[in-house]
Amino acid sequence: MENRFFKNLETKKVSLGCVISLSDLTVSELAGDCGMDFLWIDAEHAPHTIEGVMKHLIAVRGTGCAGFVRVRANDPMLIKPYLDLAPDGVIIPMVNTAEQARAAVAACRYPLTGVRGCGVRRATHYGMDDFFAYREESEKKPLVIIQIEHVEAVRNLDEILDVPGIGSICIGPCDLSGSMGILNQMNDPELNKILDEVCAKVKNKGLMLGTAAGDFARWKARGVDWFAGISDWGAIAAGIRAWKADCDKV
């Protein structure tokens, strides 16, 4: 089935996604079947096991929805096993310098481009595909998505954006606000000025831009290519609250 996320890139349509934090793989299959363009499987903040992440990727495989995995840290030994699950993208948090960005890219690519260890399974359909054809494809996939979510990263942004091999920049506005001493104050004028500037620089560099949560119209105006604007638990909670509010009116 055609991957909606990559098709949207060709047509300049913003891709919409769901953050997956619950362990039941049904939520991923459901989100994909309901038309999400991508999933953000959160192995940083959610209690996912690596086996659980694999099951979410398997669940979404036949739905036309891309699967991204956010890892816990910019560490090649930590990132490596997630790469072997064959996600469409790997989101790497708290990348604050060009050196850290180069390390993130290297962790996701085989030698001589990078330092990724070779343990292919799902990516070659368990040996059904030619390894060397996959090796060539692996220079571009999975997408290396680095998060800009600290004032240090903002200060070093120009150098970070010059690092070859970055597939997309993901802005983390909440952690960025925390590093400014205004945690989760999303309407702060200084924060939004910085966000506007970061988005403009990313787009001027020709890089893909994404984020999670917030006001979609505002982020679309900033030029995002993808937006994870809902979560599995958030959708369930919103549905329960809406249903209860309707019942309370009767």
C-alpha atoms as a PDB file:
ATOM      1  CA  MET A   1       0.000   0.000   0.000  1.00  0.00           C
ATOM      2  CA  GLU A   2       1.228   3.492  -0.839  1.00  0.00           C
ATOM      3  CA  ASN A   3       2.676   5.428   2.075  1.00  0.00           C
ATOM      4  CA  ARG A   4       0.557   8.542   2.623  1.00  0.00           C
ATOM      5  CA  PHE A   5       3.305  10.477   4.367  1.00  0.00           C
ATOM      6  CA  PHE A   6       5.729  10.301   1.461  1.00  0.00           C
ATOM      7  CA  LYS A   7       2.949  10.884  -1.068  1.00  0.00           C
ATOM      8  CA  ASN A   8       2.007  14.070   0.792  1.00  0.00           C
ATOM      9  CA  LEU A   9       5.592  15.317   0.500  1.00  0.00           C
ATOM     10  CA  GLU A  10       5.289  15.117  -3.274  1.00  0.00           C
ATOM     11  CA  THR A  11       2.019  17.072  -3.306  1.00  0.00           C
ATOM     12  CA  LYS A  12       3.061  19.582  -0.599  1.00  0.00           C
ATOM     13  CA  LYS A  13       0.213  18.485   1.665  1.00  0.00           C
ATOM     14  CA  VAL A  14       0.765  18.653   5.431  1.00  0.00           C
ATOM     15  CA  SER A  15       0.824  15.174   6.960  1.00  0.00           C
ATOM     16  CA  LEU A  16      -1.155  14.622  10.143  1.00  0.00           C
ATOM     17  CA  GLY A  17      -0.119  12.144  12.788  1.00  0.00           C
ATOM     18  CA  CYS A  18      -0.905  10.615  16.144  1.00  0.00           C
ATOM     19  CA  VAL A  19       1.430  10.120  19.100  1.00  0.00           C
ATOM     20  CA  ILE A  20       1.334   6.507  20.309  1.00  0.00           C
ATOM     21  CA  SER A  21       1.967   5.985  24.008  1.00  0.00           C
ATOM     22  CA  LEU A  22      -0.345   3.071  24.852  1.00  0.00           C
ATOM     23  CA  SER A  23       0.960  -0.477  24.580  1.00  0.00           C
ATOM     24  CA  ASP A  24      -2.001  -2.091  22.795  1.00  0.00           C
ATOM     25  CA  LEU A  25      -1.095  -2.343  19.096  1.00  0.00           C
ATOM     26  CA  THR A  26      -4.769  -1.865  18.233  1.00  0.00           C
ATOM     27  CA  VAL A  27      -4.375   1.897  18.672  1.00  0.00           C
ATOM     28  CA  SER A  28      -1.780   1.994  15.883  1.00  0.00           C
ATOM     29  CA  GLU A  29      -3.842  -0.124  13.521  1.00  0.00           C
ATOM     30  CA  LEU A  30      -6.910   1.981  14.323  1.00  0.00           C
ATOM     31  CA  ALA A  31      -5.081   5.275  13.770  1.00  0.00           C
ATOM     32  CA  GLY A  32      -3.696   4.073  10.456  1.00  0.00           C
ATOM     33  CA  ASP A  33      -7.057   2.768   9.279  1.00  0.00           C
ATOM     34  CA  CYS A  34      -8.684   6.059  10.310  1.00  0.00           C
ATOM     35  CA  GLY A  35      -6.433   7.976   7.932  1.00  0.00           C
ATOM     36  CA  MET A  36      -3.469   9.168   9.957  1.00  0.00           C
ATOM     37  CA  ASP A  37      -0.523   9.869   7.659  1.00  0.00           C
ATOM     38  CA  PHE A  38       2.070   8.868  10.257  1.00  0.00           C
ATOM     39  CA  LEU A  39       2.446   7.636  13.816  1.00  0.00           C
ATOM     40  CA  TRP A  40       4.876   9.010  16.396  1.00  0.00           C
ATOM     41  CA  ILE A  41       5.637   5.941  18.517  1.00  0.00           C
ATOM     42  CA  ASP A  42       7.038   7.519  21.654  1.00  0.00           C
ATOM     43  CA  ALA A  43       9.780   5.412  23.221  1.00  0.00           C
ATOM     44  CA  GLU A  44      11.145   8.452  25.079  1.00  0.00           C
ATOM     45  CA  HIS A  45       8.290   9.314  27.440  1.00  0.00           C
ATOM     46  CA  ALA A  46       5.971   6.305  27.117  1.00  0.00           C
ATOM     47  CA  PRO A  47       6.714   2.909  28.722  1.00  0.00           C
ATOM     48  CA  HIS A  48       7.187   1.078  25.419  1.00  0.00           C
ATOM     49  CA  THR A  49       9.432  -1.956  25.252  1.00  0.00           C
ATOM     50  CA  ILE A  50      11.381  -2.475  22.045  1.00  0.00           C
ATOM     51  CA  GLU A  51       9.200  -5.503  21.313  1.00  0.00           C
ATOM     52  CA  GLY A  52       6.146  -3.297  21.794  1.00  0.00           C
ATOM     53  CA  VAL A  53       7.509  -0.741  19.328  1.00  0.00           C
ATOM     54  CA  MET A  54       8.020  -3.514  16.786  1.00  0.00           C
ATOM     55  CA  LYS A  55       4.413  -4.641  17.195  1.00  0.00           C
ATOM     56  CA  HIS A  56       3.152  -1.092  16.613  1.00  0.00           C
ATOM     57  CA  LEU A  57       5.206  -0.900  13.415  1.00  0.00           C
ATOM     58  CA  ILE A  58       3.836  -4.253  12.280  1.00  0.00           C
ATOM     59  CA  ALA A  59       0.277  -3.157  13.077  1.00  0.00           C
ATOM     60  CA  VAL A  60       0.537  -0.050  10.926  1.00  0.00           C
ATOM     61  CA  ARG A  61       2.372  -1.676   8.026  1.00  0.00           C
ATOM     62  CA  GLY A  62      -0.666  -2.423   5.866  1.00  0.00           C
ATOM     63  CA  THR A  63      -2.562   0.811   6.524  1.00  0.00           C
ATOM     64  CA  GLY A  64      -0.656   3.281   4.312  1.00  0.00           C
ATOM     65  CA  CYS A  65       0.499   5.139   7.424  1.00  0.00           C
ATOM     66  CA  ALA A  66       4.181   5.820   8.136  1.00  0.00           C
ATOM     67  CA  GLY A  67       5.745   4.744  11.423  1.00  0.00           C
ATOM     68  CA  PHE A  68       8.194   7.007  13.258  1.00  0.00           C
ATOM     69  CA  VAL A  69       9.923   6.047  16.499  1.00  0.00           C
ATOM     70  CA  ARG A  70      11.167   8.603  19.005  1.00  0.00           C
ATOM     71  CA  VAL A  71      14.116   7.126  20.876  1.00  0.00           C
ATOM     72  CA  ARG A  72      15.182   8.037  24.401  1.00  0.00           C
ATOM     73  CA  ALA A  73      18.511   9.661  23.635  1.00  0.00           C
ATOM     74  CA  ASN A  74      21.086  10.441  20.978  1.00  0.00           C
ATOM     75  CA  ASP A  75      23.117   7.281  21.600  1.00  0.00           C
ATOM     76  CA  PRO A  76      24.139   4.945  18.733  1.00  0.00           C
ATOM     77  CA  MET A  77      23.875   1.811  20.875  1.00  0.00           C
ATOM     78  CA  LEU A  78      20.375   2.798  21.947  1.00  0.00           C
ATOM     79  CA  ILE A  79      19.249   3.847  18.462  1.00  0.00           C
ATOM     80  CA  LYS A  80      20.610   0.764  16.649  1.00  0.00           C
ATOM     81  CA  PRO A  81      17.981  -1.845  17.608  1.00  0.00           C
ATOM     82  CA  TYR A  82      15.135   0.514  16.684  1.00  0.00           C
ATOM     83  CA  LEU A  83      16.636   0.966  13.220  1.00  0.00           C
ATOM     84  CA  ASP A  84      16.482  -2.796  12.715  1.00  0.00           C
ATOM     85  CA  LEU A  85      12.710  -2.639  13.236  1.00  0.00           C
ATOM     86  CA  ALA A  86      12.531  -0.740   9.896  1.00  0.00           C
ATOM     87  CA  PRO A  87      10.701   2.447  10.913  1.00  0.00           C
ATOM     88  CA  ASP A  88      10.106   5.154   8.325  1.00  0.00           C
ATOM     89  CA  GLY A  89      11.747   7.722  10.574  1.00  0.00           C
ATOM     90  CA  VAL A  90      13.687   7.993  13.821  1.00  0.00           C
ATOM     91  CA  ILE A  91      13.088  11.048  16.014  1.00  0.00           C
ATOM     92  CA  ILE A  92      16.139  11.902  18.101  1.00  0.00           C
ATOM     93  CA  PRO A  93      15.528  14.246  21.053  1.00  0.00           C
ATOM     94  CA  MET A  94      17.575  17.095  22.501  1.00  0.00           C
ATOM     95  CA  VAL A  95      20.083  17.656  19.684  1.00  0.00           C
ATOM     96  CA  ASN A  96      21.764  20.898  20.694  1.00  0.00           C
ATOM     97  CA  THR A  97      24.943  21.170  18.613  1.00  0.00           C
ATOM     98  CA  ALA A  98      26.184  20.418  15.115  1.00  0.00           C
ATOM     99  CA  GLU A  99      28.451  17.738  16.586  1.00  0.00           C
ATOM    100  CA  GLN A 100      25.445  16.038  18.178  1.00  0.00           C
ATOM    101  CA  ALA A 101      23.530  16.310  14.897  1.00  0.00           C
ATOM    102  CA  ARG A 102      26.388  14.632  13.005  1.00  0.00           C
ATOM    103  CA  ALA A 103      26.427  11.871  15.621  1.00  0.00           C
ATOM    104  CA  ALA A 104      22.668  11.359  15.182  1.00  0.00           C
ATOM    105  CA  VAL A 105      23.011  10.999  11.424  1.00  0.00           C
ATOM    106  CA  ALA A 106      26.010   8.666  11.773  1.00  0.00           C
ATOM    107  CA  ALA A 107      24.078   6.432  14.198  1.00  0.00           C
ATOM    108  CA  CYS A 108      21.402   5.896  11.554  1.00  0.00           C
ATOM    109  CA  ARG A 109      23.659   5.095   8.574  1.00  0.00           C
ATOM    110  CA  TYR A 110      25.889   2.152   7.738  1.00  0.00           C
ATOM    111  CA  PRO A 111      29.650   2.558   7.159  1.00  0.00           C
ATOM    112  CA  LEU A 112      31.282   4.340   5.554  1.00  0.00           C
ATOM    113  CA  THR A 113      28.685   7.081   5.923  1.00  0.00           C
ATOM    114  CA  GLY A 114      27.962   6.242   9.542  1.00  0.00           C
ATOM    115  CA  VAL A 115      28.509   3.751  12.334  1.00  0.00           C
ATOM    116  CA  ARG A 116      25.301   1.697  12.282  1.00  0.00           C
ATOM    117  CA  GLY A 117      25.791  -1.995  12.974  1.00  0.00           C
ATOM    118  CA  CYS A 118      24.403  -4.522  10.501  1.00  0.00           C
ATOM    119  CA  GLY A 119      21.575  -6.710  11.762  1.00  0.00           C
ATOM    120  CA  VAL A 120      18.963  -6.541   9.007  1.00  0.00           C
ATOM    121  CA  ARG A 121      15.676  -8.432   9.317  1.00  0.00           C
ATOM    122  CA  ARG A 122      12.437  -6.560   8.662  1.00  0.00           C
ATOM    123  CA  ALA A 123      13.978  -4.009   6.297  1.00  0.00           C
ATOM    124  CA  THR A 124      14.809  -6.689   3.696  1.00  0.00           C
ATOM    125  CA  HIS A 125      11.571  -8.596   4.298  1.00  0.00           C
ATOM    126  CA  TYR A 126      13.548 -11.288   6.102  1.00  0.00           C
ATOM    127  CA  GLY A 127      15.965 -11.866   3.252  1.00  0.00           C
ATOM    128  CA  MET A 128      13.467 -11.673   0.391  1.00  0.00           C
ATOM    129  CA  ASP A 129      14.960  -8.373  -0.846  1.00  0.00           C
ATOM    130  CA  ASP A 130      18.493  -7.869  -2.106  1.00  0.00           C
ATOM    131  CA  PHE A 131      20.734  -6.611   0.691  1.00  0.00           C
ATOM    132  CA  PHE A 132      22.778  -4.326  -1.535  1.00  0.00           C
ATOM    133  CA  ALA A 133      19.668  -2.677  -2.961  1.00  0.00           C
ATOM    134  CA  TYR A 134      18.521  -2.124   0.616  1.00  0.00           C
ATOM    135  CA  ARG A 135      21.981  -0.825   1.544  1.00  0.00           C
ATOM    136  CA  GLU A 136      21.640   1.882  -1.101  1.00  0.00           C
ATOM    137  CA  GLU A 137      18.119   2.751   0.050  1.00  0.00           C
ATOM    138  CA  SER A 138      19.305   2.934   3.672  1.00  0.00           C
ATOM    139  CA  GLU A 139      21.316   6.067   2.876  1.00  0.00           C
ATOM    140  CA  LYS A 140      18.005   7.950   2.864  1.00  0.00           C
ATOM    141  CA  LYS A 141      15.736   5.806   5.014  1.00  0.00           C
ATOM    142  CA  PRO A 142      14.791   5.915   7.784  1.00  0.00           C
ATOM    143  CA  LEU A 143      14.473   9.677   7.951  1.00  0.00           C
ATOM    144  CA  VAL A 144      16.801  11.134  10.551  1.00  0.00           C
ATOM    145  CA  ILE A 145      14.573  13.564  12.437  1.00  0.00           C
ATOM    146  CA  ILE A 146      16.337  15.694  15.018  1.00  0.00           C
ATOM    147  CA  GLN A 147      14.562  17.668  17.693  1.00  0.00           C
ATOM    148  CA  ILE A 148      15.301  21.312  18.350  1.00  0.00           C
ATOM    149  CA  GLU A 149      13.999  21.789  21.880  1.00  0.00           C
ATOM    150  CA  HIS A 150      16.525  23.803  23.882  1.00  0.00           C
ATOM    151  CA  VAL A 151      17.863  27.354  23.773  1.00  0.00           C
ATOM    152  CA  GLU A 152      21.343  25.947  23.149  1.00  0.00           C
ATOM    153  CA  ALA A 153      20.040  24.312  19.964  1.00  0.00           C
ATOM    154  CA  VAL A 154      18.502  27.624  18.901  1.00  0.00           C
ATOM    155  CA  ARG A 155      21.849  29.368  19.395  1.00  0.00           C
ATOM    156  CA  ASN A 156      23.579  26.688  17.300  1.00  0.00           C
ATOM    157  CA  LEU A 157      20.805  26.332  14.722  1.00  0.00           C
ATOM    158  CA  ASP A 158      22.694  27.644  11.686  1.00  0.00           C
ATOM    159  CA  GLU A 159      25.513  25.131  12.216  1.00  0.00           C
ATOM    160  CA  ILE A 160      23.041  22.294  12.910  1.00  0.00           C
ATOM    161  CA  LEU A 161      21.130  22.961   9.690  1.00  0.00           C
ATOM    162  CA  ASP A 162      24.373  22.653   7.698  1.00  0.00           C
ATOM    163  CA  VAL A 163      24.880  19.038   8.810  1.00  0.00           C
ATOM    164  CA  PRO A 164      24.403  16.652   5.845  1.00  0.00           C
ATOM    165  CA  GLY A 165      21.933  13.787   6.158  1.00  0.00           C
ATOM    166  CA  ILE A 166      19.259  15.378   8.324  1.00  0.00           C
ATOM    167  CA  GLY A 167      15.881  14.302   6.972  1.00  0.00           C
ATOM    168  CA  SER A 168      13.716  16.630   9.020  1.00  0.00           C
ATOM    169  CA  ILE A 169      13.776  19.092  11.892  1.00  0.00           C
ATOM    170  CA  CYS A 170      11.233  18.575  14.652  1.00  0.00           C
ATOM    171  CA  ILE A 171      10.578  21.471  17.002  1.00  0.00           C
ATOM    172  CA  GLY A 172       9.825  20.665  20.644  1.00  0.00           C
ATOM    173  CA  PRO A 173       8.153  23.847  21.906  1.00  0.00           C
ATOM    174  CA  CYS A 174       7.368  22.645  25.421  1.00  0.00           C
ATOM    175  CA  ASP A 175      10.919  21.627  26.344  1.00  0.00           C
ATOM    176  CA  LEU A 176      12.202  24.731  24.583  1.00  0.00           C
ATOM    177  CA  SER A 177       9.959  26.851  26.784  1.00  0.00           C
ATOM    178  CA  GLY A 178      11.281  24.992  29.836  1.00  0.00           C
ATOM    179  CA  SER A 179      14.865  25.818  28.882  1.00  0.00           C
ATOM    180  CA  MET A 180      13.780  29.467  28.740  1.00  0.00           C
ATOM    181  CA  GLY A 181      12.299  29.305  32.260  1.00  0.00           C
ATOM    182  CA  ILE A 182       8.685  29.540  31.021  1.00  0.00           C
ATOM    183  CA  LEU A 183       7.680  25.873  30.938  1.00  0.00           C
ATOM    184  CA  ASN A 184       4.547  25.221  28.845  1.00  0.00           C
ATOM    185  CA  GLN A 185       3.656  28.915  28.521  1.00  0.00           C
ATOM    186  CA  MET A 186       2.856  28.467  24.850  1.00  0.00           C
ATOM    187  CA  ASN A 187       1.478  31.963  24.318  1.00  0.00           C
ATOM    188  CA  ASP A 188       4.626  33.708  25.567  1.00  0.00           C
ATOM    189  CA  PRO A 189       5.626  36.328  22.947  1.00  0.00           C
ATOM    190  CA  GLU A 190       9.373  35.657  23.222  1.00  0.00           C
ATOM    191  CA  LEU A 191       8.868  31.918  22.801  1.00  0.00           C
ATOM    192  CA  ASN A 192       6.718  32.428  19.725  1.00  0.00           C
ATOM    193  CA  LYS A 193       9.202  34.874  18.254  1.00  0.00           C
ATOM    194  CA  ILE A 194      11.900  32.222  18.575  1.00  0.00           C
ATOM    195  CA  LEU A 195       9.630  29.557  17.100  1.00  0.00           C
ATOM    196  CA  ASP A 196       8.869  31.797  14.119  1.00  0.00           C
ATOM    197  CA  GLU A 197      12.577  32.407  13.557  1.00  0.00           C
ATOM    198  CA  VAL A 198      13.505  28.724  13.848  1.00  0.00           C
ATOM    199  CA  CYS A 199      10.775  27.689  11.405  1.00  0.00           C
ATOM    200  CA  ALA A 200      11.830  30.342   8.910  1.00  0.00           C
ATOM    201  CA  LYS A 201      15.453  29.192   9.016  1.00  0.00           C
ATOM    202  CA  VAL A 202      14.501  25.531   8.574  1.00  0.00           C
ATOM    203  CA  LYS A 203      12.264  26.284   5.595  1.00  0.00           C
ATOM    204  CA  ASN A 204      14.822  28.612   4.022  1.00  0.00           C
ATOM    205  CA  LYS A 205      17.327  25.753   4.257  1.00  0.00           C
ATOM    206  CA  GLY A 206      14.917  23.521   2.355  1.00  0.00           C
ATOM    207  CA  LEU A 207      14.539  21.007   5.182  1.00  0.00           C
ATOM    208  CA  MET A 208      11.368  19.226   6.171  1.00  0.00           C
ATOM    209  CA  LEU A 209       9.728  20.721   9.283  1.00  0.00           C
ATOM    210  CA  GLY A 210       7.500  19.079  11.866  1.00  0.00           C
ATOM    211  CA  THR A 211       6.234  19.313  15.415  1.00  0.00           C
ATOM    212  CA  ALA A 212       3.745  17.838  17.856  1.00  0.00           C
ATOM    213  CA  ALA A 213       0.782  19.473  19.586  1.00  0.00           C
ATOM    214  CA  GLY A 214      -0.321  23.082  19.610  1.00  0.00           C
ATOM    215  CA  ASP A 215      -2.517  25.145  17.300  1.00  0.00           C
ATOM    216  CA  PHE A 216      -2.481  23.548  13.858  1.00  0.00           C
ATOM    217  CA  ALA A 217      -3.368  26.746  11.992  1.00  0.00           C
ATOM    218  CA  ARG A 218      -0.448  28.570  13.572  1.00  0.00           C
ATOM    219  CA  TRP A 219       2.011  25.786  12.796  1.00  0.00           C
ATOM    220  CA  LYS A 220       0.698  25.451   9.239  1.00  0.00           C
ATOM    221  CA  ALA A 221       1.329  29.168   8.742  1.00  0.00           C
ATOM    222  CA  ARG A 222       4.914  28.553   9.897  1.00  0.00           C
ATOM    223  CA  GLY A 223       5.320  26.013   7.122  1.00  0.00           C
ATOM    224  CA  VAL A 224       5.240  22.627   8.859  1.00  0.00           C
ATOM    225  CA  ASP A 225       5.283  19.587   6.593  1.00  0.00           C
ATOM    226  CA  TRP A 226       4.010  17.260   9.299  1.00  0.00           C
ATOM    227  CA  PHE A 227       2.101  17.722  12.547  1.00  0.00           C
ATOM    228  CA  ALA A 228       1.402  15.195  15.311  1.00  0.00           C
ATOM    229  CA  GLY A 229      -1.572  16.979  16.792  1.00  0.00           C
ATOM    230  CA  ILE A 230      -3.287  14.218  18.736  1.00  0.00           C
ATOM    231  CA  SER A 231      -2.340  11.296  20.953  1.00  0.00           C
ATOM    232  CA  ASP A 232      -3.982   7.947  21.580  1.00  0.00           C
ATOM    233  CA  TRP A 233      -4.720   8.685  25.242  1.00  0.00           C
ATOM    234  CA  GLY A 234      -5.754  12.273  24.408  1.00  0.00           C
ATOM    235  CA  ALA A 235      -8.277  11.094  21.821  1.00  0.00           C
ATOM    236  CA  ILE A 236      -9.780   8.601  24.292  1.00  0.00           C
ATOM    237  CA  ALA A 237      -9.967  11.198  27.080  1.00  0.00           C
ATOM    238  CA  ALA A 238     -11.529  13.793  24.763  1.00  0.00           C
ATOM    239  CA  GLY A 239     -14.116  11.265  23.588  1.00  0.00           C
ATOM    240  CA  ILE A 240     -15.050  10.306  27.144  1.00  0.00           C
ATOM    241  CA  ARG A 241     -15.339  13.942  28.240  1.00  0.00           C
ATOM    242  CA  ALA A 242     -17.473  14.838  25.219  1.00  0.00           C
ATOM    243  CA  TRP A 243     -19.765  11.850  25.734  1.00  0.00           C
ATOM    244  CA  LYS A 244     -20.177  12.600  29.441  1.00  0.00           C
ATOM    245  CA  ALA A 245     -20.908  16.269  28.700  1.00  0.00           C
ATOM    246  CA  ASP A 246     -23.647  15.239  26.257  1.00  0.00           C
ATOM    247  CA  CYS A 247     -25.150  12.858  28.814  1.00  0.00           C
ATOM    248  CA  ASP A 248     -25.094  15.549  31.514  1.00  0.00           C
ATOM    249  CA  LYS A 249     -27.305  17.748  29.292  1.00  0.00           C
ATOM    250  CA  VAL A 250     -30.108  15.188  29.203  1.00  0.00           C
END
